[in-house]
Amino acid sequence: MRIYGEDSATILYNSIYAIGSLIHRPGLTVNAKYLEPLNTDITPYFIVDIMNFVISEFEVNRILYFGCELKDSGIILKGHRFLRNIKPINSIKAATYHNLPENITAGYLDVTLDI
């Protein structure tokens, strides 16, 4: 998956949106939020960790995060909690560190997904 953005914060937002739209159709209402403290720079490794958190939250708690907001306190993930079991469009096992660059330099980030 190639995720574009003019800066690391935009790439982070777009990566969360991309995972969400791969799992379920876009256009869900926001009825769930989660605060993730940000104690580091937004690196490719941090982005992959957040992507894996989004995948895990859907599989375990049926919460699909598809956006975020950066605040001084951290990242607020925004998503939708499903009240019933649903079948995802795609079943994503994980985002991997395979061939992940150390830094985001060209305005995009390539991430390998296990599907």
PDB file of N, CA and C in Angstrom:
ATOM      1  N   MET A   1       0.854  -1.159   0.000  1.00  0.00           N
ATOM      2  CA  MET A   1       0.000   0.000   0.000  1.00  0.00           C
ATOM      3  C   MET A   1       0.903   1.226   0.000  1.00  0.00           C
ATOM      4  N   ARG A   2       0.629   2.168  -0.848  1.00  0.00           N
ATOM      5  CA  ARG A   2       1.367   3.430  -0.871  1.00  0.00           C
ATOM      6  C   ARG A   2       0.448   4.507  -0.312  1.00  0.00           C
ATOM      7  N   ILE A   3       0.916   5.175   0.746  1.00  0.00           N
ATOM      8  CA  ILE A   3       0.132   6.191   1.435  1.00  0.00           C
ATOM      9  C   ILE A   3       0.795   7.546   1.187  1.00  0.00           C
ATOM     10  N   TYR A   4       0.042   8.474   0.637  1.00  0.00           N
ATOM     11  CA  TYR A   4       0.573   9.795   0.303  1.00  0.00           C
ATOM     12  C   TYR A   4       0.209  10.829   1.351  1.00  0.00           C
ATOM     13  N   GLY A   5       1.002  11.897   1.400  1.00  0.00           N
ATOM     14  CA  GLY A   5       0.726  13.033   2.269  1.00  0.00           C
ATOM     15  C   GLY A   5       1.875  14.011   2.228  1.00  0.00           C
ATOM     16  N   GLU A   6       1.571  15.286   2.439  1.00  0.00           N
ATOM     17  CA  GLU A   6       2.623  16.306   2.370  1.00  0.00           C
ATOM     18  C   GLU A   6       3.516  16.310   3.613  1.00  0.00           C
ATOM     19  N   ASP A   7       3.040  15.701   4.686  1.00  0.00           N
ATOM     20  CA  ASP A   7       3.861  15.601   5.902  1.00  0.00           C
ATOM     21  C   ASP A   7       3.493  14.315   6.639  1.00  0.00           C
ATOM     22  N   SER A   8       4.232  14.018   7.701  1.00  0.00           N
ATOM     23  CA  SER A   8       4.027  12.752   8.419  1.00  0.00           C
ATOM     24  C   SER A   8       2.650  12.690   9.081  1.00  0.00           C
ATOM     25  N   ALA A   9       2.112  13.822   9.541  1.00  0.00           N
ATOM     26  CA  ALA A   9       0.792  13.825  10.167  1.00  0.00           C
ATOM     27  C   ALA A   9      -0.298  13.461   9.148  1.00  0.00           C
ATOM     28  N   THR A  10      -0.181  13.966   7.933  1.00  0.00           N
ATOM     29  CA  THR A  10      -1.149  13.649   6.886  1.00  0.00           C
ATOM     30  C   THR A  10      -1.026  12.184   6.472  1.00  0.00           C
ATOM     31  N   ILE A  11       0.197  11.681   6.392  1.00  0.00           N
ATOM     32  CA  ILE A  11       0.401  10.270   6.063  1.00  0.00           C
ATOM     33  C   ILE A  11      -0.185   9.386   7.157  1.00  0.00           C
ATOM     34  N   LEU A  12      -0.047   9.785   8.419  1.00  0.00           N
ATOM     35  CA  LEU A  12      -0.659   9.039   9.523  1.00  0.00           C
ATOM     36  C   LEU A  12      -2.177   8.993   9.354  1.00  0.00           C
ATOM     37  N   TYR A  13      -2.804  10.144   9.125  1.00  0.00           N
ATOM     38  CA  TYR A  13      -4.252  10.206   8.931  1.00  0.00           C
ATOM     39  C   TYR A  13      -4.666   9.318   7.751  1.00  0.00           C
ATOM     40  N   ASN A  14      -3.955   9.455   6.632  1.00  0.00           N
ATOM     41  CA  ASN A  14      -4.312   8.689   5.435  1.00  0.00           C
ATOM     42  C   ASN A  14      -4.113   7.190   5.624  1.00  0.00           C
ATOM     43  N   SER A  15      -3.135   6.798   6.443  1.00  0.00           N
ATOM     44  CA  SER A  15      -2.922   5.364   6.692  1.00  0.00           C
ATOM     45  C   SER A  15      -4.077   4.776   7.507  1.00  0.00           C
ATOM     46  N   ILE A  16      -4.570   5.527   8.485  1.00  0.00           N
ATOM     47  CA  ILE A  16      -5.713   5.073   9.275  1.00  0.00           C
ATOM     48  C   ILE A  16      -6.957   4.983   8.384  1.00  0.00           C
ATOM     49  N   TYR A  17      -7.154   5.995   7.547  1.00  0.00           N
ATOM     50  CA  TYR A  17      -8.290   5.985   6.620  1.00  0.00           C
ATOM     51  C   TYR A  17      -8.187   4.813   5.647  1.00  0.00           C
ATOM     52  N   ALA A  18      -6.982   4.543   5.135  1.00  0.00           N
ATOM     53  CA  ALA A  18      -6.783   3.463   4.171  1.00  0.00           C
ATOM     54  C   ALA A  18      -7.117   2.109   4.778  1.00  0.00           C
ATOM     55  N   ILE A  19      -6.636   1.846   5.983  1.00  0.00           N
ATOM     56  CA  ILE A  19      -6.941   0.573   6.636  1.00  0.00           C
ATOM     57  C   ILE A  19      -8.445   0.455   6.870  1.00  0.00           C
ATOM     58  N   GLY A  20      -9.052   1.528   7.367  1.00  0.00           N
ATOM     59  CA  GLY A  20     -10.497   1.507   7.599  1.00  0.00           C
ATOM     60  C   GLY A  20     -11.288   1.238   6.338  1.00  0.00           C
ATOM     61  N   SER A  21     -10.896   1.865   5.227  1.00  0.00           N
ATOM     62  CA  SER A  21     -11.651   1.680   3.987  1.00  0.00           C
ATOM     63  C   SER A  21     -11.378   0.320   3.339  1.00  0.00           C
ATOM     64  N   LEU A  22     -10.247  -0.305   3.659  1.00  0.00           N
ATOM     65  CA  LEU A  22     -10.013  -1.665   3.183  1.00  0.00           C
ATOM     66  C   LEU A  22     -10.872  -2.682   3.940  1.00  0.00           C
ATOM     67  N   ILE A  23     -11.151  -2.390   5.218  1.00  0.00           N
ATOM     68  CA  ILE A  23     -11.933  -3.312   6.039  1.00  0.00           C
ATOM     69  C   ILE A  23     -13.428  -3.152   5.799  1.00  0.00           C
ATOM     70  N   HIS A  24     -13.892  -1.903   5.666  1.00  0.00           N
ATOM     71  CA  HIS A  24     -15.329  -1.650   5.511  1.00  0.00           C
ATOM     72  C   HIS A  24     -15.524  -0.420   4.641  1.00  0.00           C
ATOM     73  N   ARG A  25     -16.702  -0.267   4.116  1.00  0.00           N
ATOM     74  CA  ARG A  25     -17.004   0.863   3.231  1.00  0.00           C
ATOM     75  C   ARG A  25     -16.838   2.203   3.952  1.00  0.00           C
ATOM     76  N   PRO A  26     -16.364   3.229   3.264  1.00  0.00           N
ATOM     77  CA  PRO A  26     -16.284   4.567   3.863  1.00  0.00           C
ATOM     78  C   PRO A  26     -17.682   5.142   4.112  1.00  0.00           C
ATOM     79  N   GLY A  27     -17.772   6.156   4.951  1.00  0.00           N
ATOM     80  CA  GLY A  27     -19.027   6.839   5.193  1.00  0.00           C
ATOM     81  C   GLY A  27     -19.711   6.483   6.497  1.00  0.00           C
ATOM     82  N   LEU A  28     -19.021   5.792   7.395  1.00  0.00           N
ATOM     83  CA  LEU A  28     -19.620   5.457   8.691  1.00  0.00           C
ATOM     84  C   LEU A  28     -19.619   6.679   9.601  1.00  0.00           C
ATOM     85  N   THR A  29     -20.558   6.733  10.520  1.00  0.00           N
ATOM     86  CA  THR A  29     -20.600   7.833  11.486  1.00  0.00           C
ATOM     87  C   THR A  29     -19.597   7.578  12.606  1.00  0.00           C
ATOM     88  N   VAL A  30     -19.092   8.654  13.166  1.00  0.00           N
ATOM     89  CA  VAL A  30     -18.167   8.546  14.298  1.00  0.00           C
ATOM     90  C   VAL A  30     -18.980   8.367  15.568  1.00  0.00           C
ATOM     91  N   ASN A  31     -18.791   7.239  16.245  1.00  0.00           N
ATOM     92  CA  ASN A  31     -19.441   7.030  17.540  1.00  0.00           C
ATOM     93  C   ASN A  31     -18.465   6.435  18.558  1.00  0.00           C
ATOM     94  N   ALA A  32     -17.163   6.434  18.212  1.00  0.00           N
ATOM     95  CA  ALA A  32     -16.136   5.923  19.125  1.00  0.00           C
ATOM     96  C   ALA A  32     -14.862   6.741  18.957  1.00  0.00           C
ATOM     97  N   LYS A  33     -14.208   7.027  20.068  1.00  0.00           N
ATOM     98  CA  LYS A  33     -12.938   7.752  20.045  1.00  0.00           C
ATOM     99  C   LYS A  33     -11.965   7.074  21.000  1.00  0.00           C
ATOM    100  N   TYR A  34     -10.687   7.213  20.690  1.00  0.00           N
ATOM    101  CA  TYR A  34      -9.641   6.627  21.520  1.00  0.00           C
ATOM    102  C   TYR A  34      -8.448   7.574  21.511  1.00  0.00           C
ATOM    103  N   LEU A  35      -7.890   7.857  22.683  1.00  0.00           N
ATOM    104  CA  LEU A  35      -6.730   8.734  22.788  1.00  0.00           C
ATOM    105  C   LEU A  35      -5.466   7.895  22.909  1.00  0.00           C
ATOM    106  N   GLU A  36      -4.547   8.093  21.980  1.00  0.00           N
ATOM    107  CA  GLU A  36      -3.234   7.431  22.009  1.00  0.00           C
ATOM    108  C   GLU A  36      -2.188   8.508  22.292  1.00  0.00           C
ATOM    109  N   PRO A  37      -1.520   8.436  23.445  1.00  0.00           N
ATOM    110  CA  PRO A  37      -0.479   9.434  23.738  1.00  0.00           C
ATOM    111  C   PRO A  37       0.614   9.402  22.678  1.00  0.00           C
ATOM    112  N   LEU A  38       1.120  10.560  22.323  1.00  0.00           N
ATOM    113  CA  LEU A  38       2.184  10.665  21.327  1.00  0.00           C
ATOM    114  C   LEU A  38       3.442  11.131  22.028  1.00  0.00           C
ATOM    115  N   ASN A  39       4.319  10.178  22.351  1.00  0.00           N
ATOM    116  CA  ASN A  39       5.553  10.481  23.062  1.00  0.00           C
ATOM    117  C   ASN A  39       6.760  10.428  22.145  1.00  0.00           C
ATOM    118  N   THR A  40       6.536  10.388  20.844  1.00  0.00           N
ATOM    119  CA  THR A  40       7.610  10.242  19.870  1.00  0.00           C
ATOM    120  C   THR A  40       7.244  10.990  18.600  1.00  0.00           C
ATOM    121  N   ASP A  41       8.192  11.098  17.698  1.00  0.00           N
ATOM    122  CA  ASP A  41       7.900  11.650  16.379  1.00  0.00           C
ATOM    123  C   ASP A  41       7.070  10.655  15.595  1.00  0.00           C
ATOM    124  N   ILE A  42       6.395  11.144  14.593  1.00  0.00           N
ATOM    125  CA  ILE A  42       5.612  10.265  13.726  1.00  0.00           C
ATOM    126  C   ILE A  42       6.570   9.673  12.698  1.00  0.00           C
ATOM    127  N   THR A  43       6.996   8.452  12.961  1.00  0.00           N
ATOM    128  CA  THR A  43       7.930   7.743  12.093  1.00  0.00           C
ATOM    129  C   THR A  43       7.184   6.647  11.347  1.00  0.00           C
ATOM    130  N   PRO A  44       7.807   6.067  10.319  1.00  0.00           N
ATOM    131  CA  PRO A  44       7.162   4.930   9.649  1.00  0.00           C
ATOM    132  C   PRO A  44       6.827   3.795  10.616  1.00  0.00           C
ATOM    133  N   TYR A  45       7.693   3.534  11.599  1.00  0.00           N
ATOM    134  CA  TYR A  45       7.429   2.462  12.563  1.00  0.00           C
ATOM    135  C   TYR A  45       6.213   2.784  13.430  1.00  0.00           C
ATOM    136  N   PHE A  46       6.076   4.038  13.831  1.00  0.00           N
ATOM    137  CA  PHE A  46       4.909   4.453  14.613  1.00  0.00           C
ATOM    138  C   PHE A  46       3.634   4.295  13.778  1.00  0.00           C
ATOM    139  N   ILE A  47       3.697   4.675  12.510  1.00  0.00           N
ATOM    140  CA  ILE A  47       2.533   4.559  11.633  1.00  0.00           C
ATOM    141  C   ILE A  47       2.112   3.101  11.485  1.00  0.00           C
ATOM    142  N   VAL A  48       3.071   2.201  11.298  1.00  0.00           N
ATOM    143  CA  VAL A  48       2.746   0.776  11.188  1.00  0.00           C
ATOM    144  C   VAL A  48       2.138   0.271  12.497  1.00  0.00           C
ATOM    145  N   ASP A  49       2.663   0.718  13.628  1.00  0.00           N
ATOM    146  CA  ASP A  49       2.085   0.317  14.919  1.00  0.00           C
ATOM    147  C   ASP A  49       0.638   0.776  15.046  1.00  0.00           C
ATOM    148  N   ILE A  50       0.343   1.996  14.635  1.00  0.00           N
ATOM    149  CA  ILE A  50      -1.037   2.505  14.690  1.00  0.00           C
ATOM    150  C   ILE A  50      -1.929   1.711  13.730  1.00  0.00           C
ATOM    151  N   MET A  51      -1.418   1.403  12.543  1.00  0.00           N
ATOM    152  CA  MET A  51      -2.197   0.610  11.594  1.00  0.00           C
ATOM    153  C   MET A  51      -2.538  -0.754  12.194  1.00  0.00           C
ATOM    154  N   ASN A  52      -1.581  -1.377  12.859  1.00  0.00           N
ATOM    155  CA  ASN A  52      -1.838  -2.669  13.496  1.00  0.00           C
ATOM    156  C   ASN A  52      -2.814  -2.536  14.659  1.00  0.00           C
ATOM    157  N   PHE A  53      -2.770  -1.420  15.376  1.00  0.00           N
ATOM    158  CA  PHE A  53      -3.736  -1.178  16.435  1.00  0.00           C
ATOM    159  C   PHE A  53      -5.145  -1.083  15.847  1.00  0.00           C
ATOM    160  N   VAL A  54      -5.291  -0.384  14.723  1.00  0.00           N
ATOM    161  CA  VAL A  54      -6.593  -0.248  14.064  1.00  0.00           C
ATOM    162  C   VAL A  54      -7.116  -1.620  13.641  1.00  0.00           C
ATOM    163  N   ILE A  55      -6.261  -2.444  13.073  1.00  0.00           N
ATOM    164  CA  ILE A  55      -6.655  -3.799  12.660  1.00  0.00           C
ATOM    165  C   ILE A  55      -7.083  -4.613  13.877  1.00  0.00           C
ATOM    166  N   SER A  56      -6.296  -4.549  14.936  1.00  0.00           N
ATOM    167  CA  SER A  56      -6.582  -5.308  16.158  1.00  0.00           C
ATOM    168  C   SER A  56      -7.894  -4.870  16.805  1.00  0.00           C
ATOM    169  N   GLU A  57      -8.131  -3.583  16.890  1.00  0.00           N
ATOM    170  CA  GLU A  57      -9.357  -3.080  17.504  1.00  0.00           C
ATOM    171  C   GLU A  57     -10.595  -3.537  16.739  1.00  0.00           C
ATOM    172  N   PHE A  58     -10.489  -3.626  15.417  1.00  0.00           N
ATOM    173  CA  PHE A  58     -11.632  -4.115  14.660  1.00  0.00           C
ATOM    174  C   PHE A  58     -11.858  -5.598  14.932  1.00  0.00           C
ATOM    175  N   GLU A  59     -10.798  -6.373  14.919  1.00  0.00           N
ATOM    176  CA  GLU A  59     -10.926  -7.822  15.115  1.00  0.00           C
ATOM    177  C   GLU A  59     -11.401  -8.176  16.522  1.00  0.00           C
ATOM    178  N   VAL A  60     -10.906  -7.464  17.522  1.00  0.00           N
ATOM    179  CA  VAL A  60     -11.205  -7.818  18.914  1.00  0.00           C
ATOM    180  C   VAL A  60     -12.468  -7.126  19.422  1.00  0.00           C
ATOM    181  N   ASN A  61     -12.587  -5.828  19.179  1.00  0.00           N
ATOM    182  CA  ASN A  61     -13.664  -5.041  19.792  1.00  0.00           C
ATOM    183  C   ASN A  61     -14.715  -4.530  18.807  1.00  0.00           C
ATOM    184  N   ARG A  62     -14.562  -4.837  17.533  1.00  0.00           N
ATOM    185  CA  ARG A  62     -15.476  -4.374  16.487  1.00  0.00           C
ATOM    186  C   ARG A  62     -15.593  -2.843  16.443  1.00  0.00           C
ATOM    187  N   ILE A  63     -14.448  -2.189  16.697  1.00  0.00           N
ATOM    188  CA  ILE A  63     -14.351  -0.743  16.514  1.00  0.00           C
ATOM    189  C   ILE A  63     -13.472  -0.509  15.303  1.00  0.00           C
ATOM    190  N   LEU A  64     -13.988   0.211  14.306  1.00  0.00           N
ATOM    191  CA  LEU A  64     -13.230   0.497  13.096  1.00  0.00           C
ATOM    192  C   LEU A  64     -12.847   1.974  13.108  1.00  0.00           C
ATOM    193  N   TYR A  65     -11.562   2.240  13.332  1.00  0.00           N
ATOM    194  CA  TYR A  65     -11.065   3.612  13.293  1.00  0.00           C
ATOM    195  C   TYR A  65     -10.748   3.963  11.847  1.00  0.00           C
ATOM    196  N   PHE A  66     -11.162   5.181  11.417  1.00  0.00           N
ATOM    197  CA  PHE A  66     -10.951   5.588  10.035  1.00  0.00           C
ATOM    198  C   PHE A  66     -10.489   7.038   9.919  1.00  0.00           C
ATOM    199  N   GLY A  67     -10.099   7.628  11.038  1.00  0.00           N
ATOM    200  CA  GLY A  67      -9.585   8.988  11.016  1.00  0.00           C
ATOM    201  C   GLY A  67      -8.911   9.316  12.320  1.00  0.00           C
ATOM    202  N   CYS A  68      -8.256  10.473  12.358  1.00  0.00           N
ATOM    203  CA  CYS A  68      -7.587  10.874  13.591  1.00  0.00           C
ATOM    204  C   CYS A  68      -7.442  12.385  13.629  1.00  0.00           C
ATOM    205  N   GLU A  69      -7.105  12.856  14.796  1.00  0.00           N
ATOM    206  CA  GLU A  69      -6.879  14.274  15.038  1.00  0.00           C
ATOM    207  C   GLU A  69      -5.656  14.376  15.946  1.00  0.00           C
ATOM    208  N   LEU A  70      -4.712  15.235  15.614  1.00  0.00           N
ATOM    209  CA  LEU A  70      -3.538  15.435  16.459  1.00  0.00           C
ATOM    210  C   LEU A  70      -3.817  16.551  17.451  1.00  0.00           C
ATOM    211  N   LYS A  71      -3.580  16.277  18.717  1.00  0.00           N
ATOM    212  CA  LYS A  71      -3.737  17.249  19.802  1.00  0.00           C
ATOM    213  C   LYS A  71      -2.446  17.262  20.611  1.00  0.00           C
ATOM    214  N   ASP A  72      -2.322  18.223  21.519  1.00  0.00           N
ATOM    215  CA  ASP A  72      -1.150  18.272  22.390  1.00  0.00           C
ATOM    216  C   ASP A  72      -1.043  17.022  23.256  1.00  0.00           C
ATOM    217  N   SER A  73      -2.189  16.452  23.632  1.00  0.00           N
ATOM    218  CA  SER A  73      -2.201  15.274  24.498  1.00  0.00           C
ATOM    219  C   SER A  73      -1.907  13.985  23.738  1.00  0.00           C
ATOM    220  N   GLY A  74      -1.975  14.015  22.406  1.00  0.00           N
ATOM    221  CA  GLY A  74      -1.707  12.826  21.621  1.00  0.00           C
ATOM    222  C   GLY A  74      -2.573  12.761  20.377  1.00  0.00           C
ATOM    223  N   ILE A  75      -2.848  11.560  19.942  1.00  0.00           N
ATOM    224  CA  ILE A  75      -3.655  11.327  18.746  1.00  0.00           C
ATOM    225  C   ILE A  75      -5.016  10.825  19.176  1.00  0.00           C
ATOM    226  N   ILE A  76      -6.054  11.469  18.703  1.00  0.00           N
ATOM    227  CA  ILE A  76      -7.412  11.008  18.961  1.00  0.00           C
ATOM    228  C   ILE A  76      -7.863  10.240  17.719  1.00  0.00           C
ATOM    229  N   LEU A  77      -8.016   8.932  17.877  1.00  0.00           N
ATOM    230  CA  LEU A  77      -8.521   8.106  16.791  1.00  0.00           C
ATOM    231  C   LEU A  77     -10.039   8.190  16.784  1.00  0.00           C
ATOM    232  N   LYS A  78     -10.613   8.334  15.600  1.00  0.00           N
ATOM    233  CA  LYS A  78     -12.063   8.438  15.459  1.00  0.00           C
ATOM    234  C   LYS A  78     -12.569   7.272  14.640  1.00  0.00           C
ATOM    235  N   GLY A  79     -13.650   6.655  15.117  1.00  0.00           N
ATOM    236  CA  GLY A  79     -14.154   5.497  14.406  1.00  0.00           C
ATOM    237  C   GLY A  79     -15.586   5.161  14.727  1.00  0.00           C
ATOM    238  N   HIS A  80     -15.960   3.960  14.364  1.00  0.00           N
ATOM    239  CA  HIS A  80     -17.333   3.489  14.508  1.00  0.00           C
ATOM    240  C   HIS A  80     -17.330   2.145  15.234  1.00  0.00           C
ATOM    241  N   ARG A  81     -18.100   2.050  16.298  1.00  0.00           N
ATOM    242  CA  ARG A  81     -18.270   0.779  17.011  1.00  0.00           C
ATOM    243  C   ARG A  81     -19.511   0.096  16.452  1.00  0.00           C
ATOM    244  N   PHE A  82     -19.308  -1.139  15.976  1.00  0.00           N
ATOM    245  CA  PHE A  82     -20.419  -1.928  15.448  1.00  0.00           C
ATOM    246  C   PHE A  82     -21.105  -2.643  16.596  1.00  0.00           C
ATOM    247  N   LEU A  83     -22.416  -2.604  16.612  1.00  0.00           N
ATOM    248  CA  LEU A  83     -23.186  -3.238  17.673  1.00  0.00           C
ATOM    249  C   LEU A  83     -23.473  -4.707  17.372  1.00  0.00           C
ATOM    250  N   ARG A  84     -23.190  -5.123  16.171  1.00  0.00           N
ATOM    251  CA  ARG A  84     -23.374  -6.529  15.808  1.00  0.00           C
ATOM    252  C   ARG A  84     -22.145  -6.987  15.034  1.00  0.00           C
ATOM    253  N   ASN A  85     -22.017  -8.266  14.897  1.00  0.00           N
ATOM    254  CA  ASN A  85     -20.892  -8.834  14.159  1.00  0.00           C
ATOM    255  C   ASN A  85     -21.082  -8.558  12.675  1.00  0.00           C
ATOM    256  N   ILE A  86     -20.051  -8.084  11.994  1.00  0.00           N
ATOM    257  CA  ILE A  86     -20.149  -7.824  10.566  1.00  0.00           C
ATOM    258  C   ILE A  86     -19.027  -8.564   9.847  1.00  0.00           C
ATOM    259  N   LYS A  87     -19.223  -8.769   8.576  1.00  0.00           N
ATOM    260  CA  LYS A  87     -18.193  -9.400   7.761  1.00  0.00           C
ATOM    261  C   LYS A  87     -17.413  -8.290   7.060  1.00  0.00           C
ATOM    262  N   PRO A  88     -16.081  -8.261   7.243  1.00  0.00           N
ATOM    263  CA  PRO A  88     -15.292  -7.214   6.594  1.00  0.00           C
ATOM    264  C   PRO A  88     -15.182  -7.435   5.088  1.00  0.00           C
ATOM    265  N   ILE A  89     -14.931  -6.368   4.349  1.00  0.00           N
ATOM    266  CA  ILE A  89     -14.705  -6.457   2.912  1.00  0.00           C
ATOM    267  C   ILE A  89     -13.416  -7.242   2.653  1.00  0.00           C
ATOM    268  N   ASN A  90     -12.374  -6.928   3.416  1.00  0.00           N
ATOM    269  CA  ASN A  90     -11.082  -7.613   3.340  1.00  0.00           C
ATOM    270  C   ASN A  90     -10.668  -7.997   4.746  1.00  0.00           C
ATOM    271  N   SER A  91      -9.992  -9.107   4.857  1.00  0.00           N
ATOM    272  CA  SER A  91      -9.461  -9.530   6.146  1.00  0.00           C
ATOM    273  C   SER A  91      -7.959  -9.239   6.148  1.00  0.00           C
ATOM    274  N   ILE A  92      -7.554  -8.248   6.917  1.00  0.00           N
ATOM    275  CA  ILE A  92      -6.154  -7.848   6.983  1.00  0.00           C
ATOM    276  C   ILE A  92      -5.562  -8.402   8.261  1.00  0.00           C
ATOM    277  N   LYS A  93      -4.484  -9.164   8.129  1.00  0.00           N
ATOM    278  CA  LYS A  93      -3.847  -9.740   9.313  1.00  0.00           C
ATOM    279  C   LYS A  93      -2.962  -8.728  10.014  1.00  0.00           C
ATOM    280  N   ALA A  94      -2.139  -7.990   9.242  1.00  0.00           N
ATOM    281  CA  ALA A  94      -1.209  -7.053   9.870  1.00  0.00           C
ATOM    282  C   ALA A  94      -0.524  -6.192   8.824  1.00  0.00           C
ATOM    283  N   ALA A  95      -0.051  -5.040   9.280  1.00  0.00           N
ATOM    284  CA  ALA A  95       0.910  -4.239   8.524  1.00  0.00           C
ATOM    285  C   ALA A  95       2.282  -4.683   9.010  1.00  0.00           C
ATOM    286  N   THR A  96       3.244  -4.796   8.099  1.00  0.00           N
ATOM    287  CA  THR A  96       4.546  -5.334   8.481  1.00  0.00           C
ATOM    288  C   THR A  96       5.639  -4.268   8.371  1.00  0.00           C
ATOM    289  N   TYR A  97       6.791  -4.598   8.935  1.00  0.00           N
ATOM    290  CA  TYR A  97       7.965  -3.726   8.844  1.00  0.00           C
ATOM    291  C   TYR A  97       8.820  -4.060   7.627  1.00  0.00           C
ATOM    292  N   HIS A  98       8.377  -5.007   6.804  1.00  0.00           N
ATOM    293  CA  HIS A  98       9.154  -5.461   5.645  1.00  0.00           C
ATOM    294  C   HIS A  98       9.426  -4.298   4.691  1.00  0.00           C
ATOM    295  N   ASN A  99      10.705  -4.041   4.410  1.00  0.00           N
ATOM    296  CA  ASN A  99      11.162  -2.965   3.513  1.00  0.00           C
ATOM    297  C   ASN A  99      10.696  -1.577   3.949  1.00  0.00           C
ATOM    298  N   LEU A 100      10.407  -1.383   5.221  1.00  0.00           N
ATOM    299  CA  LEU A 100       9.952  -0.086   5.719  1.00  0.00           C
ATOM    300  C   LEU A 100      11.150   0.855   5.835  1.00  0.00           C
ATOM    301  N   PRO A 101      11.058   2.064   5.279  1.00  0.00           N
ATOM    302  CA  PRO A 101      12.181   3.002   5.384  1.00  0.00           C
ATOM    303  C   PRO A 101      12.285   3.572   6.801  1.00  0.00           C
ATOM    304  N   GLU A 102      13.439   4.100   7.115  1.00  0.00           N
ATOM    305  CA  GLU A 102      13.663   4.712   8.432  1.00  0.00           C
ATOM    306  C   GLU A 102      12.880   6.017   8.587  1.00  0.00           C
ATOM    307  N   ASN A 103      12.757   6.785   7.498  1.00  0.00           N
ATOM    308  CA  ASN A 103      12.105   8.091   7.542  1.00  0.00           C
ATOM    309  C   ASN A 103      11.152   8.255   6.368  1.00  0.00           C
ATOM    310  N   ILE A 104      10.265   9.203   6.501  1.00  0.00           N
ATOM    311  CA  ILE A 104       9.366   9.580   5.411  1.00  0.00           C
ATOM    312  C   ILE A 104      10.032  10.756   4.709  1.00  0.00           C
ATOM    313  N   THR A 105      10.401  10.573   3.440  1.00  0.00           N
ATOM    314  CA  THR A 105      11.130  11.650   2.771  1.00  0.00           C
ATOM    315  C   THR A 105      10.486  12.128   1.478  1.00  0.00           C
ATOM    316  N   ALA A 106       9.798  11.274   0.760  1.00  0.00           N
ATOM    317  CA  ALA A 106       9.327  11.622  -0.578  1.00  0.00           C
ATOM    318  C   ALA A 106       7.848  11.993  -0.635  1.00  0.00           C
ATOM    319  N   GLY A 107       7.190  12.194   0.505  1.00  0.00           N
ATOM    320  CA  GLY A 107       5.785  12.531   0.497  1.00  0.00           C
ATOM    321  C   GLY A 107       4.867  11.328   0.430  1.00  0.00           C
ATOM    322  N   TYR A 108       5.424  10.149   0.632  1.00  0.00           N
ATOM    323  CA  TYR A 108       4.616   8.942   0.674  1.00  0.00           C
ATOM    324  C   TYR A 108       5.335   7.897   1.512  1.00  0.00           C
ATOM    325  N   LEU A 109       4.586   6.857   1.860  1.00  0.00           N
ATOM    326  CA  LEU A 109       5.133   5.746   2.627  1.00  0.00           C
ATOM    327  C   LEU A 109       4.584   4.457   2.049  1.00  0.00           C
ATOM    328  N   ASP A 110       5.458   3.515   1.737  1.00  0.00           N
ATOM    329  CA  ASP A 110       5.048   2.194   1.273  1.00  0.00           C
ATOM    330  C   ASP A 110       4.995   1.253   2.466  1.00  0.00           C
ATOM    331  N   VAL A 111       3.839   0.608   2.673  1.00  0.00           N
ATOM    332  CA  VAL A 111       3.652  -0.326   3.771  1.00  0.00           C
ATOM    333  C   VAL A 111       3.152  -1.641   3.180  1.00  0.00           C
ATOM    334  N   THR A 112       3.755  -2.752   3.624  1.00  0.00           N
ATOM    335  CA  THR A 112       3.336  -4.088   3.194  1.00  0.00           C
ATOM    336  C   THR A 112       2.287  -4.616   4.164  1.00  0.00           C
ATOM    337  N   LEU A 113       1.195  -5.145   3.613  1.00  0.00           N
ATOM    338  CA  LEU A 113       0.120  -5.699   4.419  1.00  0.00           C
ATOM    339  C   LEU A 113       0.054  -7.205   4.225  1.00  0.00           C
ATOM    340  N   ASP A 114      -0.197  -7.945   5.303  1.00  0.00           N
ATOM    341  CA  ASP A 114      -0.514  -9.364   5.221  1.00  0.00           C
ATOM    342  C   ASP A 114      -2.024  -9.488   5.177  1.00  0.00           C
ATOM    343  N   ILE A 115      -2.537  -9.997   4.065  1.00  0.00           N
ATOM    344  CA  ILE A 115      -3.986 -10.109   3.885  1.00  0.00           C
ATOM    345  C   ILE A 115      -4.377 -11.575   3.844  1.00  0.00           C
TER     346      ILE A 115
END
